[in-house]
Amino acid sequence: MPSHRMGRTTEDIRRELTAIFRELKDPRVTSTLLSIVRVEVTSDLSYCTVYVSDMEGLPRAKRAVEGLKSASGFIRRELGERLYLRHVPALLFKATDSIEYSAHISKMLNDLEEKDDHHAE
């Protein structure tokens, strides 16, 4: 499969997963600010690794991943109905703390700017 088609398929999967996540009723998933950070699909479309992050940290993201794993059959079926793929990949969910990490970096940069402003005065 050419790389541009693989990239398009990956983005389609990401878009549809975002919509499907909103429809889930599991409180482990709905009671959190969950975000899909990255989607990686193997070249033969047999596996799809979905990296998710939560604004409230890694423990909440891990709890949401448990909910996503229990709903993976439903999510995979919905994905198959929405996308016209010959083979719907098996979904693997992994928690990451990248949103929390980037918020921390942003806060540190803002603190540095404030210190520079105080020194300039």
PDB file of N, CA and C in Angstrom:
ATOM      1  N   MET A   1       0.847  -1.171   0.000  1.00  0.00           N
ATOM      2  CA  MET A   1       0.000   0.000   0.000  1.00  0.00           C
ATOM      3  C   MET A   1       0.899   1.244   0.000  1.00  0.00           C
ATOM      4  N   PRO A   2       0.680   2.173  -0.926  1.00  0.00           N
ATOM      5  CA  PRO A   2       1.502   3.385  -0.946  1.00  0.00           C
ATOM      6  C   PRO A   2       1.372   4.163   0.360  1.00  0.00           C
ATOM      7  N   SER A   3       2.447   4.902   0.703  1.00  0.00           N
ATOM      8  CA  SER A   3       2.486   5.568   2.008  1.00  0.00           C
ATOM      9  C   SER A   3       1.405   6.640   2.144  1.00  0.00           C
ATOM     10  N   HIS A   4       1.050   7.331   1.049  1.00  0.00           N
ATOM     11  CA  HIS A   4       0.011   8.365   1.167  1.00  0.00           C
ATOM     12  C   HIS A   4      -1.347   7.739   1.466  1.00  0.00           C
ATOM     13  N   ARG A   5      -1.591   6.554   0.921  1.00  0.00           N
ATOM     14  CA  ARG A   5      -2.852   5.876   1.205  1.00  0.00           C
ATOM     15  C   ARG A   5      -2.868   5.381   2.650  1.00  0.00           C
ATOM     16  N   MET A   6      -1.739   4.907   3.132  1.00  0.00           N
ATOM     17  CA  MET A   6      -1.644   4.455   4.511  1.00  0.00           C
ATOM     18  C   MET A   6      -1.853   5.626   5.471  1.00  0.00           C
ATOM     19  N   GLY A   7      -1.283   6.761   5.149  1.00  0.00           N
ATOM     20  CA  GLY A   7      -1.484   7.960   5.970  1.00  0.00           C
ATOM     21  C   GLY A   7      -2.942   8.388   5.999  1.00  0.00           C
ATOM     22  N   ARG A   8      -3.592   8.313   4.858  1.00  0.00           N
ATOM     23  CA  ARG A   8      -5.009   8.681   4.776  1.00  0.00           C
ATOM     24  C   ARG A   8      -5.867   7.704   5.576  1.00  0.00           C
ATOM     25  N   THR A   9      -5.551   6.419   5.474  1.00  0.00           N
ATOM     26  CA  THR A   9      -6.280   5.403   6.237  1.00  0.00           C
ATOM     27  C   THR A   9      -6.090   5.622   7.735  1.00  0.00           C
ATOM     28  N   THR A  10      -4.870   5.922   8.151  1.00  0.00           N
ATOM     29  CA  THR A  10      -4.592   6.188   9.561  1.00  0.00           C
ATOM     30  C   THR A  10      -5.399   7.383  10.055  1.00  0.00           C
ATOM     31  N   GLU A  11      -5.453   8.446   9.282  1.00  0.00           N
ATOM     32  CA  GLU A  11      -6.225   9.627   9.678  1.00  0.00           C
ATOM     33  C   GLU A  11      -7.725   9.330   9.707  1.00  0.00           C
ATOM     34  N   ASP A  12      -8.205   8.527   8.768  1.00  0.00           N
ATOM     35  CA  ASP A  12      -9.619   8.138   8.779  1.00  0.00           C
ATOM     36  C   ASP A  12      -9.946   7.355  10.047  1.00  0.00           C
ATOM     37  N   ILE A  13      -9.072   6.439  10.412  1.00  0.00           N
ATOM     38  CA  ILE A  13      -9.283   5.649  11.625  1.00  0.00           C
ATOM     39  C   ILE A  13      -9.287   6.564  12.846  1.00  0.00           C
ATOM     40  N   ARG A  14      -8.359   7.491  12.896  1.00  0.00           N
ATOM     41  CA  ARG A  14      -8.288   8.426  14.027  1.00  0.00           C
ATOM     42  C   ARG A  14      -9.563   9.263  14.137  1.00  0.00           C
ATOM     43  N   ARG A  15     -10.025   9.772  13.016  1.00  0.00           N
ATOM     44  CA  ARG A  15     -11.240  10.600  13.004  1.00  0.00           C
ATOM     45  C   ARG A  15     -12.451   9.807  13.481  1.00  0.00           C
ATOM     46  N   GLU A  16     -12.599   8.590  12.971  1.00  0.00           N
ATOM     47  CA  GLU A  16     -13.748   7.778  13.347  1.00  0.00           C
ATOM     48  C   GLU A  16     -13.663   7.313  14.800  1.00  0.00           C
ATOM     49  N   LEU A  17     -12.462   7.005  15.273  1.00  0.00           N
ATOM     50  CA  LEU A  17     -12.310   6.615  16.669  1.00  0.00           C
ATOM     51  C   LEU A  17     -12.708   7.757  17.605  1.00  0.00           C
ATOM     52  N   THR A  18     -12.366   8.975  17.239  1.00  0.00           N
ATOM     53  CA  THR A  18     -12.755  10.133  18.045  1.00  0.00           C
ATOM     54  C   THR A  18     -14.275  10.213  18.154  1.00  0.00           C
ATOM     55  N   ALA A  19     -14.965  10.006  17.050  1.00  0.00           N
ATOM     56  CA  ALA A  19     -16.433  10.042  17.059  1.00  0.00           C
ATOM     57  C   ALA A  19     -17.007   8.877  17.857  1.00  0.00           C
ATOM     58  N   ILE A  20     -16.421   7.703  17.721  1.00  0.00           N
ATOM     59  CA  ILE A  20     -16.913   6.525  18.436  1.00  0.00           C
ATOM     60  C   ILE A  20     -16.707   6.691  19.943  1.00  0.00           C
ATOM     61  N   PHE A  21     -15.573   7.264  20.351  1.00  0.00           N
ATOM     62  CA  PHE A  21     -15.308   7.472  21.776  1.00  0.00           C
ATOM     63  C   PHE A  21     -16.397   8.331  22.414  1.00  0.00           C
ATOM     64  N   ARG A  22     -16.912   9.295  21.673  1.00  0.00           N
ATOM     65  CA  ARG A  22     -17.968  10.168  22.200  1.00  0.00           C
ATOM     66  C   ARG A  22     -19.272   9.411  22.432  1.00  0.00           C
ATOM     67  N   GLU A  23     -19.471   8.307  21.718  1.00  0.00           N
ATOM     68  CA  GLU A  23     -20.708   7.535  21.826  1.00  0.00           C
ATOM     69  C   GLU A  23     -20.648   6.458  22.910  1.00  0.00           C
ATOM     70  N   LEU A  24     -19.474   6.194  23.448  1.00  0.00           N
ATOM     71  CA  LEU A  24     -19.340   5.145  24.462  1.00  0.00           C
ATOM     72  C   LEU A  24     -20.041   5.554  25.753  1.00  0.00           C
ATOM     73  N   LYS A  25     -20.558   4.566  26.454  1.00  0.00           N
ATOM     74  CA  LYS A  25     -21.285   4.826  27.690  1.00  0.00           C
ATOM     75  C   LYS A  25     -20.512   4.389  28.935  1.00  0.00           C
ATOM     76  N   ASP A  26     -19.340   3.829  28.765  1.00  0.00           N
ATOM     77  CA  ASP A  26     -18.536   3.369  29.895  1.00  0.00           C
ATOM     78  C   ASP A  26     -18.053   4.577  30.702  1.00  0.00           C
ATOM     79  N   PRO A  27     -18.341   4.641  32.002  1.00  0.00           N
ATOM     80  CA  PRO A  27     -17.938   5.803  32.804  1.00  0.00           C
ATOM     81  C   PRO A  27     -16.427   5.982  32.900  1.00  0.00           C
ATOM     82  N   ARG A  28     -15.659   4.911  32.692  1.00  0.00           N
ATOM     83  CA  ARG A  28     -14.196   5.046  32.702  1.00  0.00           C
ATOM     84  C   ARG A  28     -13.719   5.889  31.529  1.00  0.00           C
ATOM     85  N   VAL A  29     -14.518   5.924  30.458  1.00  0.00           N
ATOM     86  CA  VAL A  29     -14.148   6.678  29.266  1.00  0.00           C
ATOM     87  C   VAL A  29     -14.857   8.033  29.231  1.00  0.00           C
ATOM     88  N   THR A  30     -16.129   8.062  29.596  1.00  0.00           N
ATOM     89  CA  THR A  30     -16.915   9.291  29.459  1.00  0.00           C
ATOM     90  C   THR A  30     -16.622  10.319  30.543  1.00  0.00           C
ATOM     91  N   SER A  31     -16.128   9.902  31.704  1.00  0.00           N
ATOM     92  CA  SER A  31     -15.908  10.839  32.801  1.00  0.00           C
ATOM     93  C   SER A  31     -14.523  11.484  32.752  1.00  0.00           C
ATOM     94  N   THR A  32     -13.898  11.469  31.609  1.00  0.00           N
ATOM     95  CA  THR A  32     -12.532  11.967  31.494  1.00  0.00           C
ATOM     96  C   THR A  32     -12.362  12.802  30.233  1.00  0.00           C
ATOM     97  N   LEU A  33     -11.323  13.622  30.214  1.00  0.00           N
ATOM     98  CA  LEU A  33     -11.000  14.421  29.026  1.00  0.00           C
ATOM     99  C   LEU A  33      -9.965  13.648  28.212  1.00  0.00           C
ATOM    100  N   LEU A  34     -10.447  12.683  27.477  1.00  0.00           N
ATOM    101  CA  LEU A  34      -9.594  11.764  26.735  1.00  0.00           C
ATOM    102  C   LEU A  34      -9.282  12.316  25.352  1.00  0.00           C
ATOM    103  N   SER A  35      -8.042  12.142  24.947  1.00  0.00           N
ATOM    104  CA  SER A  35      -7.618  12.612  23.633  1.00  0.00           C
ATOM    105  C   SER A  35      -6.768  11.544  22.959  1.00  0.00           C
ATOM    106  N   ILE A  36      -6.985  11.378  21.662  1.00  0.00           N
ATOM    107  CA  ILE A  36      -6.152  10.443  20.892  1.00  0.00           C
ATOM    108  C   ILE A  36      -4.897  11.203  20.477  1.00  0.00           C
ATOM    109  N   VAL A  37      -3.762  10.724  20.955  1.00  0.00           N
ATOM    110  CA  VAL A  37      -2.494  11.388  20.680  1.00  0.00           C
ATOM    111  C   VAL A  37      -1.925  10.937  19.338  1.00  0.00           C
ATOM    112  N   ARG A  38      -1.943   9.614  19.129  1.00  0.00           N
ATOM    113  CA  ARG A  38      -1.334   9.076  17.905  1.00  0.00           C
ATOM    114  C   ARG A  38      -1.991   7.756  17.570  1.00  0.00           C
ATOM    115  N   VAL A  39      -2.068   7.467  16.282  1.00  0.00           N
ATOM    116  CA  VAL A  39      -2.582   6.188  15.793  1.00  0.00           C
ATOM    117  C   VAL A  39      -1.527   5.599  14.871  1.00  0.00           C
ATOM    118  N   GLU A  40      -1.146   4.368  15.143  1.00  0.00           N
ATOM    119  CA  GLU A  40      -0.173   3.663  14.298  1.00  0.00           C
ATOM    120  C   GLU A  40      -0.825   2.395  13.763  1.00  0.00           C
ATOM    121  N   VAL A  41      -0.789   2.239  12.452  1.00  0.00           N
ATOM    122  CA  VAL A  41      -1.376   1.074  11.808  1.00  0.00           C
ATOM    123  C   VAL A  41      -0.261   0.296  11.132  1.00  0.00           C
ATOM    124  N   THR A  42      -0.267  -1.032  11.321  1.00  0.00           N
ATOM    125  CA  THR A  42       0.737  -1.844  10.644  1.00  0.00           C
ATOM    126  C   THR A  42       0.470  -1.830   9.141  1.00  0.00           C
ATOM    127  N   SER A  43       1.494  -2.110   8.359  1.00  0.00           N
ATOM    128  CA  SER A  43       1.369  -2.001   6.906  1.00  0.00           C
ATOM    129  C   SER A  43       0.356  -2.968   6.317  1.00  0.00           C
ATOM    130  N   ASP A  44       0.101  -4.086   6.997  1.00  0.00           N
ATOM    131  CA  ASP A  44      -0.883  -5.036   6.480  1.00  0.00           C
ATOM    132  C   ASP A  44      -2.273  -4.839   7.104  1.00  0.00           C
ATOM    133  N   LEU A  45      -2.446  -3.758   7.848  1.00  0.00           N
ATOM    134  CA  LEU A  45      -3.713  -3.405   8.503  1.00  0.00           C
ATOM    135  C   LEU A  45      -4.208  -4.475   9.479  1.00  0.00           C
ATOM    136  N   SER A  46      -3.289  -5.230  10.064  1.00  0.00           N
ATOM    137  CA  SER A  46      -3.730  -6.252  11.007  1.00  0.00           C
ATOM    138  C   SER A  46      -3.853  -5.706  12.427  1.00  0.00           C
ATOM    139  N   TYR A  47      -3.047  -4.706  12.773  1.00  0.00           N
ATOM    140  CA  TYR A  47      -3.097  -4.112  14.108  1.00  0.00           C
ATOM    141  C   TYR A  47      -3.095  -2.598  14.022  1.00  0.00           C
ATOM    142  N   CYS A  48      -3.794  -1.998  14.959  1.00  0.00           N
ATOM    143  CA  CYS A  48      -3.841  -0.548  15.059  1.00  0.00           C
ATOM    144  C   CYS A  48      -3.592  -0.193  16.527  1.00  0.00           C
ATOM    145  N   THR A  49      -2.499   0.502  16.790  1.00  0.00           N
ATOM    146  CA  THR A  49      -2.178   0.926  18.149  1.00  0.00           C
ATOM    147  C   THR A  49      -2.655   2.362  18.319  1.00  0.00           C
ATOM    148  N   VAL A  50      -3.483   2.579  19.334  1.00  0.00           N
ATOM    149  CA  VAL A  50      -4.062   3.895  19.597  1.00  0.00           C
ATOM    150  C   VAL A  50      -3.500   4.392  20.922  1.00  0.00           C
ATOM    151  N   TYR A  51      -2.773   5.513  20.871  1.00  0.00           N
ATOM    152  CA  TYR A  51      -2.205   6.114  22.071  1.00  0.00           C
ATOM    153  C   TYR A  51      -3.159   7.201  22.550  1.00  0.00           C
ATOM    154  N   VAL A  52      -3.628   7.058  23.798  1.00  0.00           N
ATOM    155  CA  VAL A  52      -4.564   8.030  24.352  1.00  0.00           C
ATOM    156  C   VAL A  52      -3.948   8.697  25.571  1.00  0.00           C
ATOM    157  N   SER A  53      -4.359   9.934  25.803  1.00  0.00           N
ATOM    158  CA  SER A  53      -3.859  10.697  26.923  1.00  0.00           C
ATOM    159  C   SER A  53      -5.017  11.424  27.590  1.00  0.00           C
ATOM    160  N   ASP A  54      -4.825  11.763  28.840  1.00  0.00           N
ATOM    161  CA  ASP A  54      -5.842  12.463  29.614  1.00  0.00           C
ATOM    162  C   ASP A  54      -5.226  13.713  30.227  1.00  0.00           C
ATOM    163  N   MET A  55      -6.016  14.753  30.296  1.00  0.00           N
ATOM    164  CA  MET A  55      -5.539  16.004  30.881  1.00  0.00           C
ATOM    165  C   MET A  55      -5.190  15.846  32.358  1.00  0.00           C
ATOM    166  N   GLU A  56      -5.836  14.904  33.023  1.00  0.00           N
ATOM    167  CA  GLU A  56      -5.648  14.749  34.465  1.00  0.00           C
ATOM    168  C   GLU A  56      -4.531  13.777  34.819  1.00  0.00           C
ATOM    169  N   GLY A  57      -3.820  13.283  33.844  1.00  0.00           N
ATOM    170  CA  GLY A  57      -2.659  12.469  34.131  1.00  0.00           C
ATOM    171  C   GLY A  57      -2.759  11.022  33.675  1.00  0.00           C
ATOM    172  N   LEU A  58      -1.647  10.339  33.858  1.00  0.00           N
ATOM    173  CA  LEU A  58      -1.500   8.963  33.396  1.00  0.00           C
ATOM    174  C   LEU A  58      -2.423   7.970  34.109  1.00  0.00           C
ATOM    175  N   PRO A  59      -2.652   8.093  35.421  1.00  0.00           N
ATOM    176  CA  PRO A  59      -3.568   7.129  36.064  1.00  0.00           C
ATOM    177  C   PRO A  59      -4.984   7.155  35.465  1.00  0.00           C
ATOM    178  N   ARG A  60      -5.476   8.348  35.162  1.00  0.00           N
ATOM    179  CA  ARG A  60      -6.807   8.451  34.543  1.00  0.00           C
ATOM    180  C   ARG A  60      -6.798   7.879  33.133  1.00  0.00           C
ATOM    181  N   ALA A  61      -5.708   8.096  32.408  1.00  0.00           N
ATOM    182  CA  ALA A  61      -5.593   7.555  31.048  1.00  0.00           C
ATOM    183  C   ALA A  61      -5.560   6.031  31.093  1.00  0.00           C
ATOM    184  N   LYS A  62      -4.872   5.463  32.079  1.00  0.00           N
ATOM    185  CA  LYS A  62      -4.815   3.999  32.203  1.00  0.00           C
ATOM    186  C   LYS A  62      -6.194   3.434  32.520  1.00  0.00           C
ATOM    187  N   ARG A  63      -6.945   4.143  33.348  1.00  0.00           N
ATOM    188  CA  ARG A  63      -8.299   3.691  33.669  1.00  0.00           C
ATOM    189  C   ARG A  63      -9.193   3.746  32.437  1.00  0.00           C
ATOM    190  N   ALA A  64      -9.030   4.802  31.629  1.00  0.00           N
ATOM    191  CA  ALA A  64      -9.801   4.921  30.394  1.00  0.00           C
ATOM    192  C   ALA A  64      -9.421   3.812  29.419  1.00  0.00           C
ATOM    193  N   VAL A  65      -8.145   3.446  29.372  1.00  0.00           N
ATOM    194  CA  VAL A  65      -7.696   2.359  28.488  1.00  0.00           C
ATOM    195  C   VAL A  65      -8.365   1.051  28.878  1.00  0.00           C
ATOM    196  N   GLU A  66      -8.560   0.823  30.184  1.00  0.00           N
ATOM    197  CA  GLU A  66      -9.268  -0.383  30.620  1.00  0.00           C
ATOM    198  C   GLU A  66     -10.684  -0.401  30.048  1.00  0.00           C
ATOM    199  N   GLY A  67     -11.357   0.751  30.089  1.00  0.00           N
ATOM    200  CA  GLY A  67     -12.698   0.846  29.523  1.00  0.00           C
ATOM    201  C   GLY A  67     -12.697   0.648  28.020  1.00  0.00           C
ATOM    202  N   LEU A  68     -11.697   1.201  27.346  1.00  0.00           N
ATOM    203  CA  LEU A  68     -11.607   1.045  25.894  1.00  0.00           C
ATOM    204  C   LEU A  68     -11.336  -0.407  25.514  1.00  0.00           C
ATOM    205  N   LYS A  69     -10.502  -1.081  26.294  1.00  0.00           N
ATOM    206  CA  LYS A  69     -10.226  -2.495  26.010  1.00  0.00           C
ATOM    207  C   LYS A  69     -11.479  -3.337  26.161  1.00  0.00           C
ATOM    208  N   SER A  70     -12.283  -3.033  27.176  1.00  0.00           N
ATOM    209  CA  SER A  70     -13.501  -3.823  27.359  1.00  0.00           C
ATOM    210  C   SER A  70     -14.525  -3.541  26.264  1.00  0.00           C
ATOM    211  N   ALA A  71     -14.447  -2.371  25.645  1.00  0.00           N
ATOM    212  CA  ALA A  71     -15.371  -2.016  24.566  1.00  0.00           C
ATOM    213  C   ALA A  71     -14.741  -2.198  23.189  1.00  0.00           C
ATOM    214  N   SER A  72     -13.580  -2.838  23.114  1.00  0.00           N
ATOM    215  CA  SER A  72     -12.860  -2.908  21.835  1.00  0.00           C
ATOM    216  C   SER A  72     -13.641  -3.653  20.755  1.00  0.00           C
ATOM    217  N   GLY A  73     -14.428  -4.654  21.126  1.00  0.00           N
ATOM    218  CA  GLY A  73     -15.244  -5.356  20.128  1.00  0.00           C
ATOM    219  C   GLY A  73     -16.273  -4.430  19.508  1.00  0.00           C
ATOM    220  N   PHE A  74     -16.954  -3.651  20.343  1.00  0.00           N
ATOM    221  CA  PHE A  74     -17.924  -2.675  19.848  1.00  0.00           C
ATOM    222  C   PHE A  74     -17.241  -1.622  18.987  1.00  0.00           C
ATOM    223  N   ILE A  75     -16.105  -1.116  19.465  1.00  0.00           N
ATOM    224  CA  ILE A  75     -15.381  -0.062  18.730  1.00  0.00           C
ATOM    225  C   ILE A  75     -14.932  -0.590  17.368  1.00  0.00           C
ATOM    226  N   ARG A  76     -14.428  -1.811  17.335  1.00  0.00           N
ATOM    227  CA  ARG A  76     -13.956  -2.397  16.076  1.00  0.00           C
ATOM    228  C   ARG A  76     -15.116  -2.595  15.098  1.00  0.00           C
ATOM    229  N   ARG A  77     -16.271  -3.060  15.608  1.00  0.00           N
ATOM    230  CA  ARG A  77     -17.437  -3.244  14.743  1.00  0.00           C
ATOM    231  C   ARG A  77     -17.907  -1.905  14.168  1.00  0.00           C
ATOM    232  N   GLU A  78     -17.971  -0.883  15.025  1.00  0.00           N
ATOM    233  CA  GLU A  78     -18.373   0.447  14.564  1.00  0.00           C
ATOM    234  C   GLU A  78     -17.393   0.986  13.521  1.00  0.00           C
ATOM    235  N   LEU A  79     -16.116   0.763  13.746  1.00  0.00           N
ATOM    236  CA  LEU A  79     -15.098   1.213  12.803  1.00  0.00           C
ATOM    237  C   LEU A  79     -15.282   0.523  11.454  1.00  0.00           C
ATOM    238  N   GLY A  80     -15.594  -0.759  11.483  1.00  0.00           N
ATOM    239  CA  GLY A  80     -15.827  -1.505  10.247  1.00  0.00           C
ATOM    240  C   GLY A  80     -17.041  -1.022   9.492  1.00  0.00           C
ATOM    241  N   GLU A  81     -18.083  -0.585  10.217  1.00  0.00           N
ATOM    242  CA  GLU A  81     -19.281  -0.075   9.550  1.00  0.00           C
ATOM    243  C   GLU A  81     -19.066   1.308   8.952  1.00  0.00           C
ATOM    244  N   ARG A  82     -18.207   2.107   9.579  1.00  0.00           N
ATOM    245  CA  ARG A  82     -18.005   3.489   9.127  1.00  0.00           C
ATOM    246  C   ARG A  82     -16.951   3.615   8.037  1.00  0.00           C
ATOM    247  N   LEU A  83     -15.955   2.753   8.065  1.00  0.00           N
ATOM    248  CA  LEU A  83     -14.888   2.787   7.064  1.00  0.00           C
ATOM    249  C   LEU A  83     -15.005   1.544   6.185  1.00  0.00           C
ATOM    250  N   TYR A  84     -14.766   1.719   4.931  1.00  0.00           N
ATOM    251  CA  TYR A  84     -14.858   0.594   4.004  1.00  0.00           C
ATOM    252  C   TYR A  84     -13.482  -0.039   3.848  1.00  0.00           C
ATOM    253  N   LEU A  85     -13.135  -0.863   4.830  1.00  0.00           N
ATOM    254  CA  LEU A  85     -11.860  -1.563   4.820  1.00  0.00           C
ATOM    255  C   LEU A  85     -12.113  -3.040   4.608  1.00  0.00           C
ATOM    256  N   ARG A  86     -11.266  -3.681   3.854  1.00  0.00           N
ATOM    257  CA  ARG A  86     -11.397  -5.120   3.651  1.00  0.00           C
ATOM    258  C   ARG A  86     -11.198  -5.863   4.968  1.00  0.00           C
ATOM    259  N   HIS A  87     -10.261  -5.371   5.759  1.00  0.00           N
ATOM    260  CA  HIS A  87      -9.965  -5.985   7.053  1.00  0.00           C
ATOM    261  C   HIS A  87      -9.855  -4.883   8.097  1.00  0.00           C
ATOM    262  N   VAL A  88     -10.673  -4.964   9.139  1.00  0.00           N
ATOM    263  CA  VAL A  88     -10.607  -3.983  10.222  1.00  0.00           C
ATOM    264  C   VAL A  88      -9.522  -4.446  11.190  1.00  0.00           C
ATOM    265  N   PRO A  89      -8.538  -3.598  11.468  1.00  0.00           N
ATOM    266  CA  PRO A  89      -7.425  -4.025  12.323  1.00  0.00           C
ATOM    267  C   PRO A  89      -7.849  -4.272  13.766  1.00  0.00           C
ATOM    268  N   ALA A  90      -7.112  -5.159  14.432  1.00  0.00           N
ATOM    269  CA  ALA A  90      -7.302  -5.373  15.869  1.00  0.00           C
ATOM    270  C   ALA A  90      -6.799  -4.121  16.580  1.00  0.00           C
ATOM    271  N   LEU A  91      -7.546  -3.659  17.560  1.00  0.00           N
ATOM    272  CA  LEU A  91      -7.218  -2.407  18.234  1.00  0.00           C
ATOM    273  C   LEU A  91      -6.446  -2.658  19.520  1.00  0.00           C
ATOM    274  N   LEU A  92      -5.343  -1.966  19.665  1.00  0.00           N
ATOM    275  CA  LEU A  92      -4.533  -2.010  20.883  1.00  0.00           C
ATOM    276  C   LEU A  92      -4.508  -0.598  21.454  1.00  0.00           C
ATOM    277  N   PHE A  93      -4.919  -0.441  22.694  1.00  0.00           N
ATOM    278  CA  PHE A  93      -4.956   0.876  23.322  1.00  0.00           C
ATOM    279  C   PHE A  93      -3.821   0.993  24.329  1.00  0.00           C
ATOM    280  N   LYS A  94      -3.135   2.143  24.289  1.00  0.00           N
ATOM    281  CA  LYS A  94      -2.030   2.387  25.219  1.00  0.00           C
ATOM    282  C   LYS A  94      -2.174   3.787  25.795  1.00  0.00           C
ATOM    283  N   ALA A  95      -1.934   3.882  27.095  1.00  0.00           N
ATOM    284  CA  ALA A  95      -2.014   5.171  27.782  1.00  0.00           C
ATOM    285  C   ALA A  95      -0.665   5.880  27.687  1.00  0.00           C
ATOM    286  N   THR A  96      -0.728   7.184  27.537  1.00  0.00           N
ATOM    287  CA  THR A  96       0.477   8.004  27.518  1.00  0.00           C
ATOM    288  C   THR A  96       0.186   9.284  28.290  1.00  0.00           C
ATOM    289  N   ASP A  97       1.224   9.911  28.793  1.00  0.00           N
ATOM    290  CA  ASP A  97       1.030  11.138  29.559  1.00  0.00           C
ATOM    291  C   ASP A  97       1.477  12.374  28.770  1.00  0.00           C
ATOM    292  N   SER A  98       1.411  12.317  27.470  1.00  0.00           N
ATOM    293  CA  SER A  98       1.947  13.403  26.649  1.00  0.00           C
ATOM    294  C   SER A  98       1.196  14.719  26.827  1.00  0.00           C
ATOM    295  N   ILE A  99      -0.111  14.691  27.040  1.00  0.00           N
ATOM    296  CA  ILE A  99      -0.847  15.947  27.236  1.00  0.00           C
ATOM    297  C   ILE A  99      -0.452  16.574  28.563  1.00  0.00           C
ATOM    298  N   GLU A 100      -0.390  15.759  29.598  1.00  0.00           N
ATOM    299  CA  GLU A 100       0.027  16.264  30.909  1.00  0.00           C
ATOM    300  C   GLU A 100       1.457  16.809  30.820  1.00  0.00           C
ATOM    301  N   TYR A 101       2.321  16.099  30.113  1.00  0.00           N
ATOM    302  CA  TYR A 101       3.707  16.509  29.961  1.00  0.00           C
ATOM    303  C   TYR A 101       3.810  17.833  29.213  1.00  0.00           C
ATOM    304  N   SER A 102       3.059  17.968  28.122  1.00  0.00           N
ATOM    305  CA  SER A 102       3.117  19.223  27.358  1.00  0.00           C
ATOM    306  C   SER A 102       2.530  20.381  28.152  1.00  0.00           C
ATOM    307  N   ALA A 103       1.512  20.132  28.965  1.00  0.00           N
ATOM    308  CA  ALA A 103       0.965  21.190  29.817  1.00  0.00           C
ATOM    309  C   ALA A 103       1.998  21.623  30.850  1.00  0.00           C
ATOM    310  N   HIS A 104       2.753  20.654  31.373  1.00  0.00           N
ATOM    311  CA  HIS A 104       3.805  20.965  32.340  1.00  0.00           C
ATOM    312  C   HIS A 104       4.911  21.808  31.682  1.00  0.00           C
ATOM    313  N   ILE A 105       5.328  21.444  30.492  1.00  0.00           N
ATOM    314  CA  ILE A 105       6.352  22.198  29.762  1.00  0.00           C
ATOM    315  C   ILE A 105       5.863  23.616  29.484  1.00  0.00           C
ATOM    316  N   SER A 106       4.602  23.734  29.065  1.00  0.00           N
ATOM    317  CA  SER A 106       4.026  25.044  28.787  1.00  0.00           C
ATOM    318  C   SER A 106       4.023  25.913  30.042  1.00  0.00           C
ATOM    319  N   LYS A 107       3.681  25.332  31.173  1.00  0.00           N
ATOM    320  CA  LYS A 107       3.673  26.072  32.440  1.00  0.00           C
ATOM    321  C   LYS A 107       5.081  26.532  32.790  1.00  0.00           C
ATOM    322  N   MET A 108       6.065  25.655  32.596  1.00  0.00           N
ATOM    323  CA  MET A 108       7.453  26.021  32.885  1.00  0.00           C
ATOM    324  C   MET A 108       7.911  27.174  31.999  1.00  0.00           C
ATOM    325  N   LEU A 109       7.538  27.150  30.727  1.00  0.00           N
ATOM    326  CA  LEU A 109       7.918  28.229  29.819  1.00  0.00           C
ATOM    327  C   LEU A 109       7.257  29.546  30.221  1.00  0.00           C
ATOM    328  N   ASN A 110       5.986  29.470  30.625  1.00  0.00           N
ATOM    329  CA  ASN A 110       5.301  30.677  31.085  1.00  0.00           C
ATOM    330  C   ASN A 110       5.945  31.240  32.347  1.00  0.00           C
ATOM    331  N   ASP A 111       6.367  30.359  33.251  1.00  0.00           N
ATOM    332  CA  ASP A 111       7.049  30.807  34.465  1.00  0.00           C
ATOM    333  C   ASP A 111       8.368  31.495  34.126  1.00  0.00           C
ATOM    334  N   LEU A 112       9.090  30.974  33.136  1.00  0.00           N
ATOM    335  CA  LEU A 112      10.345  31.598  32.710  1.00  0.00           C
ATOM    336  C   LEU A 112      10.100  32.981  32.124  1.00  0.00           C
ATOM    337  N   GLU A 113       9.029  33.117  31.336  1.00  0.00           N
ATOM    338  CA  GLU A 113       8.706  34.415  30.749  1.00  0.00           C
ATOM    339  C   GLU A 113       8.379  35.428  31.843  1.00  0.00           C
ATOM    340  N   GLU A 114       7.661  34.998  32.866  1.00  0.00           N
ATOM    341  CA  GLU A 114       7.328  35.897  33.973  1.00  0.00           C
ATOM    342  C   GLU A 114       8.587  36.338  34.709  1.00  0.00           C
ATOM    343  N   LYS A 115       9.533  35.423  34.916  1.00  0.00           N
ATOM    344  CA  LYS A 115      10.790  35.775  35.577  1.00  0.00           C
ATOM    345  C   LYS A 115      11.581  36.776  34.746  1.00  0.00           C
ATOM    346  N   ASP A 116      11.596  36.570  33.417  1.00  0.00           N
ATOM    347  CA  ASP A 116      12.294  37.501  32.526  1.00  0.00           C
ATOM    348  C   ASP A 116      11.654  38.875  32.574  1.00  0.00           C
ATOM    349  N   ASP A 117      10.326  38.936  32.654  1.00  0.00           N
ATOM    350  CA  ASP A 117       9.634  40.213  32.733  1.00  0.00           C
ATOM    351  C   ASP A 117       9.989  40.942  34.028  1.00  0.00           C
ATOM    352  N   HIS A 118      10.126  40.215  35.122  1.00  0.00           N
ATOM    353  CA  HIS A 118      10.466  40.831  36.408  1.00  0.00           C
ATOM    354  C   HIS A 118      11.905  41.343  36.395  1.00  0.00           C
ATOM    355  N   HIS A 119      12.812  40.612  35.735  1.00  0.00           N
ATOM    356  CA  HIS A 119      14.204  41.043  35.662  1.00  0.00           C
ATOM    357  C   HIS A 119      14.361  42.242  34.732  1.00  0.00           C
ATOM    358  N   ALA A 120      13.528  42.343  33.720  1.00  0.00           N
ATOM    359  CA  ALA A 120      13.612  43.456  32.772  1.00  0.00           C
ATOM    360  C   ALA A 120      13.180  44.764  33.416  1.00  0.00           C
ATOM    361  N   GLU A 121      12.302  44.693  34.407  1.00  0.00           N
ATOM    362  CA  GLU A 121      11.808  45.907  35.070  1.00  0.00           C
ATOM    363  C   GLU A 121      12.825  46.382  36.019  1.00  0.00           C
TER     364      GLU A 121
END
